[in-house]
Amino acid sequence: MSVQRVEMLLNSALVYQREDFDPKARDWKRQRELMDAHAMELRGMPADPDIFQYQRLQREGRLVIITARDGQGILQGYSSHFWHRDLHFNIRVAQDDGIYVVPELRKQGVGTFLRKMAIHELKKAGVQVVLGRLKVAHPHDESMTELGFVPWETVYIREI
């Protein structure tokens, strides 16, 4: 996929691109920092990613990760998605794995653009339905409707 440069409100350019999941990447420490920050915001604990499952999804071509990096190549946000065959219908369904943007770049369209690029990549993979999951504490309803999403179901969680 071609790299796209988008001017942001902070007068700095971010580079958006599709990347592989690679625990051996030169900036894995930075990637983990963002994963942990995301996990702390949502669950109050650091992330413990299932590296084997991410690698399996990637080998199977079912993982899409889009990143936003600043002019120095430092990761500032990511959008991760995976797809599966629906159990009831012969269609490919994708869902969000995680979307995170550093706090200082929020509310500037970075997350929306990450999701938009992910949808483009998922469509190229033959995905027909994309599920967008939003936490109640972090609603983004306007950006979702701008991207063509419609409310479909309510999901409840119970920790046991």
Protein backbone atom coordinates (compact mmCIF):
# COMPACT_ATOMS: atom_id res chain seq x y z
CA MET A 1 0.00 0.00 0.00
CA SER A 2 1.27 3.45 -0.76
CA VAL A 3 2.21 5.65 2.15
CA GLN A 4 -0.12 8.61 2.61
CA ARG A 5 0.92 11.88 4.19
CA VAL A 6 -1.76 13.95 5.87
CA GLU A 7 -1.22 17.41 7.31
CA MET A 8 -2.51 17.57 10.85
CA LEU A 9 -3.68 20.54 12.89
CA LEU A 10 -0.39 20.60 14.82
CA ASN A 11 1.44 21.60 11.61
CA SER A 12 3.22 18.28 11.56
CA ALA A 13 2.80 15.54 8.99
CA LEU A 14 1.84 12.03 9.96
CA VAL A 15 2.58 9.08 7.74
CA TYR A 16 -0.13 6.41 7.61
CA GLN A 17 0.70 2.94 6.35
CA ARG A 18 -0.11 -0.73 6.68
CA GLU A 19 2.46 -2.60 8.75
CA ASP A 20 3.08 -6.15 9.86
CA PHE A 21 2.87 -7.35 13.44
CA ASP A 22 6.55 -7.89 14.27
CA PRO A 23 7.81 -8.36 17.84
CA LYS A 24 11.35 -8.18 16.40
CA ALA A 25 10.76 -4.71 14.95
CA ARG A 26 13.28 -2.04 15.81
CA ASP A 27 10.61 -0.01 17.62
CA TRP A 28 8.83 -2.89 19.40
CA LYS A 29 9.45 -1.11 22.72
CA ARG A 30 7.49 1.92 21.45
CA GLN A 31 4.74 -0.33 20.13
CA ARG A 32 4.45 -1.96 23.55
CA GLU A 33 4.39 1.46 25.24
CA LEU A 34 1.33 2.40 23.18
CA MET A 35 -0.31 -1.00 23.74
CA ASP A 36 0.22 -0.62 27.48
CA ALA A 37 -1.09 2.96 27.51
CA HIS A 38 -4.18 1.77 25.63
CA ALA A 39 -4.71 -1.16 27.99
CA MET A 40 -4.29 1.05 31.05
CA GLU A 41 -6.93 3.47 29.74
CA LEU A 42 -9.41 0.68 29.05
CA ARG A 43 -8.74 -1.97 31.69
CA GLY A 44 -6.36 -0.42 34.23
CA MET A 45 -3.64 -3.00 33.58
CA PRO A 46 -0.76 -3.36 31.11
CA ALA A 47 -1.28 -5.30 27.89
CA ASP A 48 -0.28 -8.94 27.59
CA PRO A 49 -0.66 -9.57 23.84
CA ASP A 50 -0.99 -13.12 22.54
CA ILE A 51 1.94 -12.88 20.14
CA PHE A 52 1.38 -16.38 18.75
CA GLN A 53 -2.24 -15.57 17.80
CA TYR A 54 -1.29 -12.24 16.18
CA GLN A 55 1.39 -14.02 14.15
CA ARG A 56 -1.08 -16.76 13.17
CA LEU A 57 -3.66 -14.22 12.01
CA GLN A 58 -0.97 -12.43 10.04
CA ARG A 59 0.29 -15.64 8.37
CA GLU A 60 -3.31 -16.41 7.40
CA GLY A 61 -3.71 -12.92 5.90
CA ARG A 62 -6.46 -12.03 8.38
CA LEU A 63 -4.74 -9.23 10.30
CA VAL A 64 -4.72 -5.58 9.24
CA ILE A 65 -2.64 -3.06 11.17
CA ILE A 66 -2.50 0.59 10.11
CA THR A 67 -0.08 2.95 11.83
CA ALA A 68 0.35 6.71 12.15
CA ARG A 69 3.96 7.82 12.51
CA ASP A 70 5.38 11.30 12.87
CA GLY A 71 8.08 12.82 10.67
CA GLN A 72 10.79 11.03 12.66
CA GLY A 73 9.05 7.68 12.18
CA ILE A 74 7.89 7.47 15.81
CA LEU A 75 4.64 5.57 16.27
CA GLN A 76 1.84 7.92 17.37
CA GLY A 77 -1.18 5.69 16.80
CA TYR A 78 -2.41 2.40 15.41
CA SER A 79 -5.52 0.63 14.26
CA SER A 80 -5.61 -3.16 14.39
CA HIS A 81 -8.36 -5.35 12.90
CA PHE A 82 -8.87 -9.00 12.03
CA TRP A 83 -11.45 -10.91 10.02
CA HIS A 84 -13.08 -14.33 10.07
CA ARG A 85 -15.71 -16.21 8.13
CA ASP A 86 -19.13 -15.69 9.66
CA LEU A 87 -20.39 -18.89 11.30
CA HIS A 88 -23.90 -18.44 9.88
CA PHE A 89 -23.26 -16.99 6.41
CA ASN A 90 -20.56 -17.32 3.79
CA ILE A 91 -19.21 -13.82 4.28
CA ARG A 92 -16.06 -12.36 5.77
CA VAL A 93 -16.59 -10.24 8.87
CA ALA A 94 -13.95 -7.95 10.39
CA GLN A 95 -13.84 -6.45 13.82
CA ASP A 96 -11.69 -3.96 15.66
CA ASP A 97 -8.88 -5.33 17.74
CA GLY A 98 -7.70 -1.97 19.02
CA ILE A 99 -7.43 1.65 17.98
CA TYR A 100 -5.18 4.01 19.88
CA VAL A 101 -3.88 7.53 19.29
CA VAL A 102 -1.55 9.34 21.71
CA PRO A 103 -3.54 11.86 23.77
CA GLU A 104 -1.88 14.95 22.28
CA LEU A 105 -3.09 14.01 18.77
CA ARG A 106 -6.67 13.09 19.64
CA LYS A 107 -9.72 14.90 18.26
CA GLN A 108 -7.86 15.77 15.07
CA GLY A 109 -9.14 12.98 12.84
CA VAL A 110 -6.17 10.63 13.29
CA GLY A 111 -8.26 7.73 14.59
CA THR A 112 -10.90 8.24 11.91
CA PHE A 113 -8.24 8.17 9.20
CA LEU A 114 -6.65 5.03 10.69
CA ARG A 115 -10.05 3.32 10.61
CA LYS A 116 -10.75 4.56 7.06
CA MET A 117 -7.48 3.08 5.80
CA ALA A 118 -8.19 -0.19 7.63
CA ILE A 119 -11.62 -0.43 5.97
CA HIS A 120 -9.94 0.03 2.60
CA GLU A 121 -7.46 -2.77 3.32
CA LEU A 122 -10.19 -5.06 4.69
CA LYS A 123 -12.29 -4.53 1.57
CA LYS A 124 -9.29 -5.55 -0.56
CA ALA A 125 -9.16 -8.78 1.50
CA GLY A 126 -12.76 -9.58 0.59
CA VAL A 127 -14.34 -8.49 3.86
CA GLN A 128 -18.03 -7.64 3.45
CA VAL A 129 -19.00 -6.56 6.98
CA VAL A 130 -16.92 -4.46 9.37
CA LEU A 131 -17.89 -4.27 13.03
CA GLY A 132 -16.77 -1.15 14.87
CA ARG A 133 -16.55 -1.58 18.62
CA LEU A 134 -16.58 1.51 20.82
CA LYS A 135 -16.22 1.60 24.57
CA VAL A 136 -19.06 3.39 26.36
CA ALA A 137 -16.48 5.52 28.17
CA HIS A 138 -14.91 6.55 24.83
CA PRO A 139 -17.75 7.21 22.36
CA HIS A 140 -16.96 8.29 18.80
CA ASP A 141 -20.44 8.09 17.34
CA GLU A 142 -20.04 11.03 14.93
CA SER A 143 -16.87 9.68 13.35
CA MET A 144 -18.47 6.25 12.98
CA THR A 145 -21.50 7.63 11.13
CA GLU A 146 -19.15 9.73 8.94
CA LEU A 147 -17.51 6.44 7.93
CA GLY A 148 -20.86 4.84 7.10
CA PHE A 149 -21.35 2.74 10.24
CA VAL A 150 -24.85 2.36 11.68
CA PRO A 151 -25.83 1.15 15.16
CA TRP A 152 -26.52 -2.59 14.94
CA GLU A 153 -26.47 -4.27 18.34
CA THR A 154 -25.66 -3.68 21.98
CA VAL A 155 -22.91 -5.67 23.63
CA TYR A 156 -22.81 -6.20 27.37
CA ILE A 157 -19.82 -7.38 29.36
CA ARG A 158 -19.67 -9.23 32.64
CA GLU A 159 -16.39 -10.13 34.25
CA ILE A 160 -16.55 -13.39 36.22
